[in-house]
Amino acid sequence: MKIRYKALALGAVATMTLGMAACSGGGGGTTGSDAGDATIGEDQSVGAMEDFGVGTTFKATEPLEFGLLYRDHPNYPFDANWSIVKHLEEDHNVTFDYQSVPLADWGTKRTQLIQTGDAADIIPSTYVADVQNVTAGLLPISQYLDYLPNFQDKIEKWGLEGELDRTRDADGDFYVLPGLLENAKPDYTIAIRADWWEDAGLEDPQTWDEFAEQLEVIKEQHPELTYPYTERWNTTNNNMPLAAILQAAAGNFGTEAGWGFGDGVTWNGSEFEYTGAQEGYKELITYFHGLVEDGLLDPDGLTQDDDTAKAKFTTGKAAAISSNSQVITEYRNGFAEAGDTEAEVRNIVVPGGPAGDMMDPTTGGHFESGVAFSKDVAEKPYFKALLQYVDWLYFSDEGLEFAKWGVEGETFEVVDGKRQLLDGIDWNGINPNAGDSPKLLNADFGYYNGVWSLAHGSTADLVQSTLAPEVVEFQKAMNEQKEVADGGPGIPLTDAQRTQISVSQANLQGAVMTATAQFIKGDRSLDEWDAYVEELRGLGMDDYVATMNEAAQSAE
């Protein structure tokens, strides 16, 4: 096992020309150029199993070492003695040449390594959008689907062919194997002080307008609150305010926002239009501005860090804050540490809005972060075995369970048909028998760490297996009550089109995010909306949208 630390200065690597043609054959060890038709020769089949398919446990026929671009998380820094590392070596004949990148630099350094051709064989923790501008340095994995039986099986069983096709480039290929979800897994919402809501005789709000009305009531009953609602998850590296809650709310206003802003265009039923200039986007921004203007939303919530926001909520200085299935445990722990034994916290179903009860296409989708591959991996002697390993670990039921839960008898047991962690082991507070100082499934064993386990599992059973009953009910209610907005056709950009729009896309998004914060805080009047849209036109909005629609039409 080797660990390599790449000392890359941010911005030191010049952006490569995106007009480079993607490799169609995947290297000298393959034949065939149509998507899915490439074959792997004997010289690239060292260590591969002869009969590998759905239900097969992968084990290389000889010890192999794969290159792995490792996202090192500060909450569970890499440990060579982890159980998952040992079992992958002992049970599956796989070790790794680790190319370690700190979480804080992950996005930028991953892009740089791909651009320079220095990325390791396997590139996990990667969404399709993360690498859409650097596919020249990636393997067109769509050409090798015949070697990924578990991936193909789930795509077919769960009817995800359409979503997968929307990830294809103009050449017909796609470059990321997305993590797959049997059911959509909405997670982000607002946590409220349930005890205060109950004392005021309030039920969970059904609409965003009702939420605003309830905040007024809470503020009246708790005059000690400067603002009843504070916020978090402001993504500073791209100036994205309220990234989580704007995405969660956006579908209900007929738009996309926050983390869901994506490529900046939204399907209106007949064509794409620029998201930041939509009427729905204006309505969304107007709503949150109204909360600030009425003294209901803490204006510092658009800029403060997460720790400050959490402290306000857990010390009784706010009654509502963005949340998800994991951080609600942090909130409860925070109240306990502050000595507040009366506080009750609950995540609400995201309220409906002017567009109805909707989820944006990203929230309601079936893809998670996935796996990409260095273009040069097709030349490696173990290429076929590497694909078998990836297919088993990330897409087979057995591999998914192993990466998430660990090894039965060592980290978990099955009781009455349900998995549960052994005494003394915990993850996100799910084990009542963990004790006061438990070992953690990710930090102490390496499982469920976002690299080998991707995000949150795949089958509905596995996703729900680590969720508290309240979270299962939340996801069920979201999926039952809300429709998923139509994301429209895929946008398979050519290299030339991608080069054409790259600068305007970045400039437009920057302008939108800056104006979004200004409008919500009141630093810029919404009376200037038309002037703002003209500013977007000056940055190339119309040409950008025309290019995106031209690409979309080519896919139909």
Protein backbone atom coordinates (compact mmCIF):
# COMPACT_ATOMS: atom_id res chain seq x y z
CA MET A 1 0.00 0.00 0.00
CA LYS A 2 1.25 3.47 -0.86
CA ILE A 3 -0.01 6.90 0.09
CA ARG A 4 0.85 9.80 -2.19
CA TYR A 5 0.12 13.37 -1.24
CA LYS A 6 -0.08 15.68 -4.24
CA ALA A 7 1.13 19.15 -3.33
CA LEU A 8 -0.80 21.15 -5.90
CA ALA A 9 -0.99 24.91 -5.63
CA LEU A 10 -4.56 26.03 -6.23
CA GLY A 11 -4.81 27.64 -9.62
CA ALA A 12 -1.30 26.57 -10.58
CA VAL A 13 -2.48 24.32 -13.36
CA ALA A 14 -3.71 26.11 -16.45
CA THR A 15 -7.10 25.09 -17.78
CA MET A 16 -6.67 22.71 -20.68
CA THR A 17 -8.42 23.25 -23.96
CA LEU A 18 -11.79 21.57 -23.75
CA GLY A 19 -11.89 20.95 -27.47
CA MET A 20 -9.76 17.83 -27.16
CA ALA A 21 -11.48 14.80 -28.56
CA ALA A 22 -12.42 12.19 -26.00
CA CYS A 23 -10.78 8.82 -26.44
CA SER A 24 -13.31 6.50 -28.06
CA GLY A 25 -11.59 3.17 -27.84
CA GLY A 26 -10.20 3.45 -24.33
CA GLY A 27 -6.65 2.49 -25.32
CA GLY A 28 -4.70 -0.25 -27.02
CA GLY A 29 -6.19 -3.01 -24.91
CA THR A 30 -9.73 -2.48 -26.19
CA THR A 31 -11.61 -2.73 -29.43
CA GLY A 32 -14.89 -1.22 -30.52
CA SER A 33 -16.09 2.39 -30.57
CA ASP A 34 -19.87 2.30 -30.01
CA ALA A 35 -21.13 2.92 -26.47
CA GLY A 36 -21.13 -0.38 -24.62
CA ASP A 37 -19.27 -2.24 -27.38
CA ALA A 38 -15.67 -1.95 -26.23
CA THR A 39 -13.97 -5.22 -25.37
CA ILE A 40 -11.04 -5.82 -23.07
CA GLY A 41 -8.17 -7.97 -24.25
CA GLU A 42 -6.17 -10.53 -22.31
CA ASP A 43 -3.32 -8.11 -21.68
CA GLN A 44 -5.71 -5.98 -19.59
CA SER A 45 -7.38 -8.93 -17.81
CA VAL A 46 -4.77 -9.79 -15.18
CA GLY A 47 -6.47 -10.84 -11.95
CA ALA A 48 -9.98 -10.77 -13.44
CA MET A 49 -12.54 -13.43 -12.58
CA GLU A 50 -13.67 -15.70 -15.39
CA ASP A 51 -17.33 -15.85 -14.39
CA PHE A 52 -18.37 -12.56 -12.86
CA GLY A 53 -22.01 -11.55 -12.76
CA VAL A 54 -24.90 -10.45 -10.57
CA GLY A 55 -24.63 -12.33 -7.27
CA THR A 56 -20.90 -13.06 -7.64
CA THR A 57 -18.56 -12.01 -4.84
CA PHE A 58 -15.55 -10.33 -6.41
CA LYS A 59 -12.11 -11.65 -5.52
CA ALA A 60 -9.15 -10.97 -7.78
CA THR A 61 -7.40 -14.15 -8.89
CA GLU A 62 -4.11 -12.65 -7.71
CA PRO A 63 -3.17 -9.67 -5.49
CA LEU A 64 -3.79 -6.36 -7.28
CA GLU A 65 -3.09 -2.74 -6.42
CA PHE A 66 -5.43 -0.12 -7.90
CA GLY A 67 -4.85 3.62 -7.91
CA LEU A 68 -7.46 5.42 -5.79
CA LEU A 69 -8.02 9.17 -5.59
CA TYR A 70 -8.93 9.37 -1.93
CA ARG A 71 -11.06 12.18 -0.47
CA ASP A 72 -9.70 12.52 3.08
CA HIS A 73 -12.41 13.79 5.44
CA PRO A 74 -11.28 15.58 8.62
CA ASN A 75 -14.02 13.89 10.66
CA TYR A 76 -12.66 10.46 9.78
CA PRO A 77 -9.10 10.82 8.48
CA PHE A 78 -7.63 7.87 6.65
CA ASP A 79 -6.22 5.03 8.74
CA ALA A 80 -4.28 2.23 7.06
CA ASN A 81 -5.38 -0.13 9.84
CA TRP A 82 -9.10 0.28 9.17
CA SER A 83 -11.18 -2.87 8.99
CA ILE A 84 -12.38 -2.05 5.46
CA VAL A 85 -8.79 -1.78 4.20
CA LYS A 86 -7.84 -5.10 5.75
CA HIS A 87 -10.93 -6.94 4.46
CA LEU A 88 -10.53 -5.61 0.93
CA GLU A 89 -6.99 -7.00 0.95
CA GLU A 90 -7.63 -10.29 2.76
CA ASP A 91 -11.02 -11.18 1.27
CA HIS A 92 -10.84 -9.57 -2.17
CA ASN A 93 -7.11 -9.42 -3.02
CA VAL A 94 -7.24 -5.62 -3.50
CA THR A 95 -4.91 -2.95 -2.12
CA PHE A 96 -4.52 0.66 -3.19
CA ASP A 97 -1.98 3.24 -4.24
CA TYR A 98 -3.66 6.14 -2.45
CA GLN A 99 -3.59 9.59 -3.98
CA SER A 100 -4.85 11.53 -0.97
CA VAL A 101 -6.58 14.91 -1.22
CA PRO A 102 -7.99 16.82 1.78
CA LEU A 103 -11.72 17.42 1.69
CA ALA A 104 -11.25 21.20 1.63
CA ASP A 105 -9.34 20.94 -1.68
CA TRP A 106 -11.24 18.01 -3.14
CA GLY A 107 -13.16 19.66 -5.97
CA THR A 108 -10.34 21.86 -7.23
CA LYS A 109 -7.57 19.28 -6.99
CA ARG A 110 -9.68 16.53 -8.53
CA THR A 111 -10.23 18.77 -11.56
CA GLN A 112 -6.54 19.65 -11.77
CA LEU A 113 -5.43 16.03 -11.57
CA ILE A 114 -7.87 15.00 -14.29
CA GLN A 115 -6.82 17.89 -16.53
CA THR A 116 -3.12 17.07 -16.23
CA GLY A 117 -3.62 13.33 -16.67
CA ASP A 118 -2.28 12.63 -13.18
CA ALA A 119 -5.46 11.34 -11.54
CA ALA A 120 -5.47 7.86 -10.02
CA ASP A 121 -7.33 4.98 -11.68
CA ILE A 122 -10.52 5.29 -9.61
CA ILE A 123 -12.10 8.68 -8.85
CA PRO A 124 -14.95 8.25 -6.32
CA SER A 125 -17.17 10.84 -4.61
CA THR A 126 -17.89 12.46 -7.96
CA TYR A 127 -21.11 13.78 -9.46
CA VAL A 128 -21.64 14.02 -13.22
CA ALA A 129 -21.66 17.83 -13.02
CA ASP A 130 -18.33 17.85 -11.18
CA VAL A 131 -16.40 16.68 -14.22
CA GLN A 132 -18.51 17.72 -17.19
CA ASN A 133 -15.81 20.13 -18.38
CA VAL A 134 -12.85 17.74 -18.07
CA THR A 135 -14.13 14.59 -19.77
CA ALA A 136 -11.13 14.58 -22.13
CA GLY A 137 -9.13 13.23 -19.19
CA LEU A 138 -11.67 10.55 -18.25
CA LEU A 139 -12.52 7.08 -19.44
CA PRO A 140 -15.79 6.90 -21.44
CA ILE A 141 -17.14 4.28 -19.07
CA SER A 142 -20.33 3.88 -21.10
CA GLN A 143 -18.28 1.85 -23.58
CA TYR A 144 -17.67 -0.85 -20.96
CA LEU A 145 -21.13 -1.54 -19.57
CA ASP A 146 -20.90 -5.21 -20.54
CA TYR A 147 -18.32 -5.55 -17.75
CA LEU A 148 -20.64 -3.98 -15.17
CA PRO A 149 -23.47 -6.48 -14.70
CA ASN A 150 -24.63 -5.19 -11.29
CA PHE A 151 -24.79 -1.59 -12.52
CA GLN A 152 -26.79 -2.62 -15.58
CA ASP A 153 -29.09 -4.79 -13.49
CA LYS A 154 -30.12 -1.94 -11.20
CA ILE A 155 -30.49 0.56 -14.05
CA GLU A 156 -32.91 -1.84 -15.75
CA LYS A 157 -34.80 -3.00 -12.64
CA TRP A 158 -35.35 0.53 -11.36
CA GLY A 159 -36.15 2.06 -14.75
CA LEU A 160 -33.29 4.57 -14.71
CA GLU A 161 -32.36 4.40 -18.39
CA GLY A 162 -33.80 7.85 -19.11
CA GLU A 163 -31.91 9.52 -16.26
CA LEU A 164 -28.71 7.80 -17.34
CA ASP A 165 -29.12 8.89 -20.95
CA ARG A 166 -29.39 12.50 -19.80
CA THR A 167 -25.79 12.26 -18.57
CA ARG A 168 -24.42 11.47 -22.04
CA ASP A 169 -22.22 13.87 -23.96
CA ALA A 170 -22.68 14.77 -27.61
CA ASP A 171 -20.46 11.82 -28.52
CA GLY A 172 -23.01 9.48 -26.94
CA ASP A 173 -20.75 8.55 -24.05
CA PHE A 174 -20.99 9.20 -20.32
CA TYR A 175 -18.01 9.40 -17.99
CA VAL A 176 -19.36 8.82 -14.47
CA LEU A 177 -21.07 5.78 -13.01
CA PRO A 178 -23.56 7.53 -10.73
CA GLY A 179 -24.48 6.07 -7.38
CA LEU A 180 -27.96 4.60 -7.81
CA LEU A 181 -31.02 4.99 -5.61
CA GLU A 182 -34.03 2.72 -5.81
CA ASN A 183 -36.17 5.56 -4.44
CA ALA A 184 -35.54 9.29 -4.35
CA LYS A 185 -33.94 10.34 -1.08
CA PRO A 186 -34.95 13.91 -0.21
CA ASP A 187 -33.09 14.99 2.88
CA TYR A 188 -32.83 18.75 3.37
CA THR A 189 -35.57 20.73 5.04
CA ILE A 190 -36.16 22.95 8.08
CA ALA A 191 -35.94 21.88 11.70
CA ILE A 192 -38.30 23.61 14.11
CA ARG A 193 -38.55 23.84 17.86
CA ALA A 194 -41.43 21.38 18.07
CA ASP A 195 -42.10 22.20 21.72
CA TRP A 196 -42.57 25.90 20.91
CA TRP A 197 -44.82 25.06 17.95
CA GLU A 198 -46.93 22.81 20.19
CA ASP A 199 -47.14 25.45 22.94
CA ALA A 200 -48.43 27.92 20.33
CA GLY A 201 -51.02 25.44 19.08
CA LEU A 202 -49.36 25.25 15.65
CA GLU A 203 -49.12 22.27 13.31
CA ASP A 204 -46.42 21.83 10.72
CA PRO A 205 -46.84 24.38 7.92
CA GLN A 206 -48.28 23.13 4.65
CA THR A 207 -47.12 26.12 2.59
CA TRP A 208 -44.27 28.59 2.72
CA ASP A 209 -46.72 31.42 3.38
CA GLU A 210 -48.04 29.48 6.36
CA PHE A 211 -44.47 29.02 7.59
CA ALA A 212 -43.99 32.80 7.54
CA GLU A 213 -47.23 33.28 9.48
CA GLN A 214 -46.10 30.76 12.08
CA LEU A 215 -42.75 32.51 12.48
CA GLU A 216 -44.71 35.68 13.32
CA VAL A 217 -46.58 33.78 16.04
CA ILE A 218 -43.38 32.31 17.46
CA LYS A 219 -41.74 35.74 17.51
CA GLU A 220 -44.71 37.20 19.40
CA GLN A 221 -44.65 34.42 21.98
CA HIS A 222 -40.85 34.57 22.36
CA PRO A 223 -39.90 38.26 22.40
CA GLU A 224 -36.39 37.27 23.48
CA LEU A 225 -35.75 36.16 19.90
CA THR A 226 -34.22 38.81 17.67
CA TYR A 227 -35.07 36.59 14.69
CA PRO A 228 -37.07 33.35 14.98
CA TYR A 229 -35.34 31.77 11.97
CA THR A 230 -31.61 31.56 11.23
CA GLU A 231 -29.76 29.82 8.41
CA ARG A 232 -26.60 27.93 7.45
CA TRP A 233 -24.92 26.09 4.55
CA ASN A 234 -23.62 29.14 2.76
CA THR A 235 -21.15 27.82 0.20
CA THR A 236 -18.40 30.41 0.31
CA ASN A 237 -16.15 29.04 -2.45
CA ASN A 238 -18.72 29.93 -5.11
CA ASN A 239 -20.58 32.66 -3.23
CA MET A 240 -23.76 30.57 -2.96
CA PRO A 241 -26.03 31.81 -0.12
CA LEU A 242 -28.59 29.56 1.61
CA ALA A 243 -27.48 26.70 -0.63
CA ALA A 244 -29.51 23.99 1.10
CA ILE A 245 -32.83 25.65 1.82
CA LEU A 246 -33.05 27.44 -1.53
CA GLN A 247 -32.65 24.08 -3.28
CA ALA A 248 -35.22 22.46 -0.99
CA ALA A 249 -37.74 25.25 -1.56
CA ALA A 250 -37.07 25.91 -5.25
CA GLY A 251 -39.26 23.21 -6.77
CA ASN A 252 -42.27 24.64 -4.96
CA PHE A 253 -41.67 27.95 -6.75
CA GLY A 254 -41.15 26.32 -10.16
CA THR A 255 -37.41 26.87 -10.34
CA GLU A 256 -34.00 25.56 -9.27
CA ALA A 257 -31.63 27.22 -6.82
CA GLY A 258 -28.86 26.76 -4.27
CA TRP A 259 -27.06 23.45 -4.65
CA GLY A 260 -29.60 22.57 -7.32
CA PHE A 261 -28.72 25.55 -9.55
CA GLY A 262 -26.57 23.24 -11.65
CA ASP A 263 -25.90 24.46 -15.19
CA GLY A 264 -28.21 27.42 -14.69
CA VAL A 265 -31.03 26.43 -17.05
CA THR A 266 -34.48 25.10 -16.12
CA TRP A 267 -36.93 23.24 -18.35
CA ASN A 268 -40.27 25.04 -18.75
CA GLY A 269 -42.03 22.24 -20.60
CA SER A 270 -40.98 23.21 -24.10
CA GLU A 271 -37.48 24.67 -23.79
CA PHE A 272 -34.79 25.63 -21.31
CA GLU A 273 -34.72 29.14 -19.90
CA TYR A 274 -32.11 30.80 -17.74
CA THR A 275 -32.85 29.91 -14.13
CA GLY A 276 -31.64 33.13 -12.54
CA ALA A 277 -33.95 35.20 -14.74
CA GLN A 278 -37.08 33.07 -14.30
CA GLU A 279 -40.24 34.44 -12.76
CA GLY A 280 -40.17 31.47 -10.38
CA TYR A 281 -36.66 32.38 -9.26
CA LYS A 282 -37.81 35.94 -8.64
CA GLU A 283 -40.74 34.66 -6.56
CA LEU A 284 -38.41 32.46 -4.51
CA ILE A 285 -36.02 35.34 -3.82
CA THR A 286 -38.91 37.69 -3.08
CA TYR A 287 -40.27 35.27 -0.50
CA PHE A 288 -37.00 34.97 1.41
CA HIS A 289 -36.44 38.72 1.15
CA GLY A 290 -39.84 39.16 2.75
CA LEU A 291 -38.75 37.03 5.69
CA VAL A 292 -35.70 39.26 6.19
CA GLU A 293 -37.70 42.46 5.73
CA ASP A 294 -40.30 41.34 8.28
CA GLY A 295 -37.64 40.49 10.86
CA LEU A 296 -38.29 36.76 10.66
CA LEU A 297 -35.08 35.55 9.00
CA ASP A 298 -31.71 36.44 10.48
CA PRO A 299 -29.85 38.40 7.75
CA ASP A 300 -26.55 37.06 9.10
CA GLY A 301 -27.88 33.64 8.09
CA LEU A 302 -26.75 34.39 4.54
CA THR A 303 -23.09 34.71 5.50
CA GLN A 304 -22.45 33.07 8.88
CA ASP A 305 -20.62 29.78 9.23
CA ASP A 306 -22.35 26.59 10.27
CA ASP A 307 -21.02 26.54 13.83
CA THR A 308 -22.40 30.02 14.49
CA ALA A 309 -25.77 29.05 13.08
CA LYS A 310 -25.94 25.84 15.12
CA ALA A 311 -25.00 27.72 18.29
CA LYS A 312 -27.85 30.19 17.78
CA PHE A 313 -30.36 27.40 17.36
CA THR A 314 -29.15 25.14 20.18
CA THR A 315 -28.96 27.99 22.70
CA GLY A 316 -32.53 29.10 22.12
CA LYS A 317 -31.72 32.18 20.03
CA ALA A 318 -33.66 30.84 17.02
CA ALA A 319 -36.67 28.59 16.56
CA ALA A 320 -35.96 27.25 13.06
CA ILE A 321 -32.94 26.37 10.93
CA SER A 322 -32.05 24.25 7.88
CA SER A 323 -31.60 20.58 8.68
CA ASN A 324 -31.24 17.07 7.34
CA SER A 325 -31.33 13.51 8.66
CA GLN A 326 -27.86 13.75 10.19
CA VAL A 327 -27.56 17.24 11.63
CA ILE A 328 -30.81 16.98 13.54
CA THR A 329 -28.86 14.66 15.86
CA GLU A 330 -26.23 17.39 16.23
CA TYR A 331 -28.94 19.86 17.17
CA ARG A 332 -30.33 17.55 19.83
CA ASN A 333 -26.87 16.91 21.19
CA GLY A 334 -26.26 20.65 21.22
CA PHE A 335 -29.34 21.29 23.33
CA ALA A 336 -28.29 18.53 25.72
CA GLU A 337 -24.78 20.00 26.04
CA ALA A 338 -26.34 23.40 26.76
CA GLY A 339 -28.37 21.81 29.57
CA ASP A 340 -31.72 22.31 27.83
CA THR A 341 -33.68 19.14 28.49
CA GLU A 342 -37.01 20.66 27.45
CA ALA A 343 -36.20 21.43 23.83
CA GLU A 344 -37.80 19.21 21.19
CA VAL A 345 -36.67 19.37 17.58
CA ARG A 346 -38.41 18.05 14.49
CA ASN A 347 -37.75 18.16 10.74
CA ILE A 348 -40.82 19.28 8.80
CA VAL A 349 -41.91 18.16 5.35
CA VAL A 350 -40.84 20.91 2.96
CA PRO A 351 -43.85 23.22 2.51
CA GLY A 352 -45.57 23.72 -0.82
CA GLY A 353 -45.48 26.94 -2.79
CA PRO A 354 -46.92 28.81 -5.77
CA ALA A 355 -45.97 25.97 -8.14
CA GLY A 356 -47.55 23.34 -5.89
CA ASP A 357 -45.98 20.54 -3.87
CA MET A 358 -42.88 19.90 -5.93
CA MET A 359 -39.30 18.70 -5.68
CA ASP A 360 -36.64 19.98 -8.05
CA PRO A 361 -35.19 17.35 -10.43
CA THR A 362 -32.01 16.95 -8.39
CA THR A 363 -33.77 16.37 -5.06
CA GLY A 364 -36.24 14.00 -6.67
CA GLY A 365 -33.66 12.16 -8.73
CA HIS A 366 -32.21 8.68 -8.35
CA PHE A 367 -28.52 9.45 -8.73
CA GLU A 368 -25.95 10.09 -6.02
CA SER A 369 -22.26 10.88 -6.22
CA GLY A 370 -20.55 8.17 -8.20
CA VAL A 371 -17.29 6.95 -9.69
CA ALA A 372 -15.20 8.20 -12.60
CA PHE A 373 -12.02 6.73 -14.03
CA SER A 374 -8.76 8.11 -15.37
CA LYS A 375 -8.59 7.82 -19.15
CA ASP A 376 -5.37 5.83 -18.94
CA VAL A 377 -6.84 3.07 -16.78
CA ALA A 378 -7.89 1.18 -19.91
CA GLU A 379 -4.21 0.52 -20.57
CA LYS A 380 -3.57 -1.05 -17.17
CA PRO A 381 -3.04 -4.81 -17.05
CA TYR A 382 -5.69 -5.12 -14.33
CA PHE A 383 -8.35 -3.01 -16.11
CA LYS A 384 -10.96 -5.75 -16.37
CA ALA A 385 -10.48 -6.78 -12.72
CA LEU A 386 -10.78 -3.14 -11.66
CA LEU A 387 -14.16 -2.83 -13.39
CA GLN A 388 -15.33 -6.04 -11.71
CA TYR A 389 -14.22 -4.70 -8.33
CA VAL A 390 -16.01 -1.37 -8.83
CA ASP A 391 -19.16 -3.07 -10.05
CA TRP A 392 -19.20 -5.38 -7.04
CA LEU A 393 -18.37 -2.78 -4.36
CA TYR A 394 -20.58 0.09 -5.52
CA PHE A 395 -23.47 -1.65 -7.26
CA SER A 396 -23.98 -5.19 -5.94
CA ASP A 397 -26.24 -5.72 -2.92
CA GLU A 398 -23.41 -7.54 -1.14
CA GLY A 399 -20.79 -4.89 -1.86
CA LEU A 400 -23.07 -2.03 -0.90
CA GLU A 401 -23.88 -3.66 2.43
CA PHE A 402 -20.20 -4.37 3.13
CA ALA A 403 -19.11 -0.80 2.38
CA LYS A 404 -21.87 0.67 4.52
CA TRP A 405 -22.27 -1.72 7.45
CA GLY A 406 -18.98 -3.62 7.51
CA VAL A 407 -18.68 -7.29 8.36
CA GLU A 408 -21.38 -9.26 10.13
CA GLY A 409 -20.12 -10.36 13.54
CA GLU A 410 -17.41 -7.70 13.58
CA THR A 411 -19.34 -4.44 13.22
CA PHE A 412 -22.99 -5.48 12.99
CA GLU A 413 -25.44 -8.31 13.51
CA VAL A 414 -28.84 -9.17 12.10
CA VAL A 415 -31.67 -9.35 14.62
CA ASP A 416 -35.20 -10.22 13.50
CA GLY A 417 -34.20 -9.51 9.93
CA LYS A 418 -32.76 -6.06 10.68
CA ARG A 419 -29.15 -4.99 10.79
CA GLN A 420 -27.93 -3.36 13.97
CA LEU A 421 -24.50 -2.24 15.07
CA LEU A 422 -22.76 -4.25 17.75
CA ASP A 423 -22.58 -2.84 21.26
CA GLY A 424 -19.97 -0.12 21.57
CA ILE A 425 -20.18 0.91 17.89
CA ASP A 426 -22.19 3.86 16.59
CA TRP A 427 -22.92 6.00 13.55
CA ASN A 428 -24.95 9.21 13.82
CA GLY A 429 -26.53 8.08 17.08
CA ILE A 430 -28.44 5.13 15.60
CA ASN A 431 -27.25 2.55 18.17
CA PRO A 432 -28.90 2.82 21.60
CA ASN A 433 -26.32 0.33 22.92
CA ALA A 434 -23.31 2.31 21.77
CA GLY A 435 -22.31 3.44 25.26
CA ASP A 436 -20.75 6.72 26.35
CA SER A 437 -17.56 6.51 24.27
CA PRO A 438 -18.38 4.34 21.27
CA LYS A 439 -16.19 3.49 18.33
CA LEU A 440 -17.52 5.04 15.14
CA LEU A 441 -18.30 3.02 12.04
CA ASN A 442 -16.59 5.53 9.75
CA ALA A 443 -13.79 7.00 11.89
CA ASP A 444 -12.66 3.75 13.55
CA PHE A 445 -13.50 1.12 10.93
CA GLY A 446 -13.54 3.00 7.60
CA TYR A 447 -17.05 1.97 6.57
CA TYR A 448 -19.76 4.39 5.41
CA ASN A 449 -17.13 7.03 4.66
CA GLY A 450 -18.16 8.41 1.26
CA VAL A 451 -15.23 6.92 -0.65
CA TRP A 452 -15.84 3.18 -0.65
CA SER A 453 -19.50 3.55 0.23
CA LEU A 454 -20.16 6.55 -2.03
CA ALA A 455 -23.06 8.36 -0.38
CA HIS A 456 -25.99 6.62 1.25
CA GLY A 457 -26.51 3.24 -0.29
CA SER A 458 -28.67 2.08 -3.13
CA THR A 459 -31.61 -0.20 -2.37
CA ALA A 460 -34.48 1.28 -0.39
CA ASP A 461 -33.76 -1.25 2.35
CA LEU A 462 -30.11 -0.27 2.61
CA VAL A 463 -30.81 3.46 2.53
CA GLN A 464 -33.35 3.15 5.33
CA SER A 465 -31.24 0.73 7.37
CA THR A 466 -29.22 3.54 8.98
CA LEU A 467 -32.07 6.01 9.22
CA ALA A 468 -34.10 6.75 12.31
CA PRO A 469 -37.84 5.98 11.96
CA GLU A 470 -38.61 9.71 11.82
CA VAL A 471 -36.33 10.07 8.79
CA VAL A 472 -37.95 7.13 7.02
CA GLU A 473 -41.33 8.78 7.62
CA PHE A 474 -40.01 12.12 6.34
CA GLN A 475 -38.76 10.58 3.09
CA LYS A 476 -41.97 8.61 2.66
CA ALA A 477 -44.07 11.76 3.13
CA MET A 478 -41.91 13.75 0.71
CA ASN A 479 -42.11 11.06 -1.97
CA GLU A 480 -45.86 10.61 -1.52
CA GLN A 481 -46.87 14.26 -1.26
CA LYS A 482 -44.61 15.85 -3.83
CA GLU A 483 -44.22 15.55 -7.57
CA VAL A 484 -40.79 15.74 -9.15
CA ALA A 485 -40.36 18.58 -11.62
CA ASP A 486 -39.57 17.54 -15.19
CA GLY A 487 -35.86 18.08 -15.72
CA GLY A 488 -36.23 18.11 -19.49
CA PRO A 489 -34.05 16.29 -22.02
CA GLY A 490 -30.34 15.82 -21.67
CA ILE A 491 -27.99 18.56 -22.85
CA PRO A 492 -25.19 16.72 -24.69
CA LEU A 493 -22.76 19.55 -25.36
CA THR A 494 -20.01 19.15 -27.91
CA ASP A 495 -16.48 20.11 -26.94
CA ALA A 496 -16.83 23.22 -29.10
CA GLN A 497 -20.08 24.22 -27.40
CA ARG A 498 -18.57 23.60 -23.98
CA THR A 499 -15.63 25.84 -24.82
CA GLN A 500 -18.01 28.46 -26.19
CA ILE A 501 -20.07 28.72 -22.99
CA SER A 502 -17.48 28.01 -20.29
CA VAL A 503 -16.68 31.64 -19.49
CA SER A 504 -20.25 32.93 -19.74
CA GLN A 505 -21.54 30.07 -17.56
CA ALA A 506 -19.15 30.98 -14.76
CA ASN A 507 -19.78 34.71 -15.09
CA LEU A 508 -23.54 34.28 -15.15
CA GLN A 509 -23.60 32.05 -12.09
CA GLY A 510 -21.37 34.44 -10.19
CA ALA A 511 -23.67 37.35 -11.01
CA VAL A 512 -26.76 35.38 -10.00
CA MET A 513 -25.33 34.32 -6.65
CA THR A 514 -24.17 37.84 -5.82
CA ALA A 515 -27.54 39.32 -6.73
CA THR A 516 -29.41 36.57 -4.88
CA ALA A 517 -27.72 37.49 -1.61
CA GLN A 518 -28.22 41.21 -2.27
CA PHE A 519 -31.91 40.86 -3.08
CA ILE A 520 -32.66 38.63 -0.08
CA LYS A 521 -30.81 40.83 2.40
CA GLY A 522 -32.27 44.00 0.95
CA ASP A 523 -28.91 45.38 -0.12
CA ARG A 524 -30.43 45.68 -3.59
CA SER A 525 -34.06 46.53 -4.22
CA LEU A 526 -36.21 44.02 -6.06
CA ASP A 527 -37.44 47.00 -8.05
CA GLU A 528 -34.15 46.57 -9.92
CA TRP A 529 -35.02 43.05 -11.10
CA ASP A 530 -35.38 44.10 -14.75
CA ALA A 531 -32.04 45.88 -14.61
CA TYR A 532 -30.49 42.75 -13.11
CA VAL A 533 -31.86 40.62 -15.98
CA GLU A 534 -30.35 43.08 -18.45
CA GLU A 535 -27.03 42.65 -16.67
CA LEU A 536 -27.32 38.90 -17.24
CA ARG A 537 -27.98 39.55 -20.92
CA GLY A 538 -24.84 41.64 -20.99
CA LEU A 539 -22.95 38.62 -19.67
CA GLY A 540 -24.16 36.45 -22.56
CA MET A 541 -27.32 34.91 -21.07
CA ASP A 542 -29.27 34.75 -24.35
CA ASP A 543 -26.45 33.09 -26.28
CA TYR A 544 -25.84 30.70 -23.38
CA VAL A 545 -29.47 29.58 -23.30
CA ALA A 546 -29.57 29.28 -27.09
CA THR A 547 -26.54 26.98 -27.02
CA MET A 548 -28.07 24.82 -24.30
CA ASN A 549 -31.35 24.50 -26.21
CA GLU A 550 -29.49 23.70 -29.43
CA ALA A 551 -27.66 20.89 -27.64
CA ALA A 552 -30.88 19.64 -26.06
CA GLN A 553 -32.62 19.51 -29.44
CA SER A 554 -29.80 17.40 -30.83
CA ALA A 555 -30.54 14.77 -28.17
CA GLU A 556 -34.21 14.38 -29.09
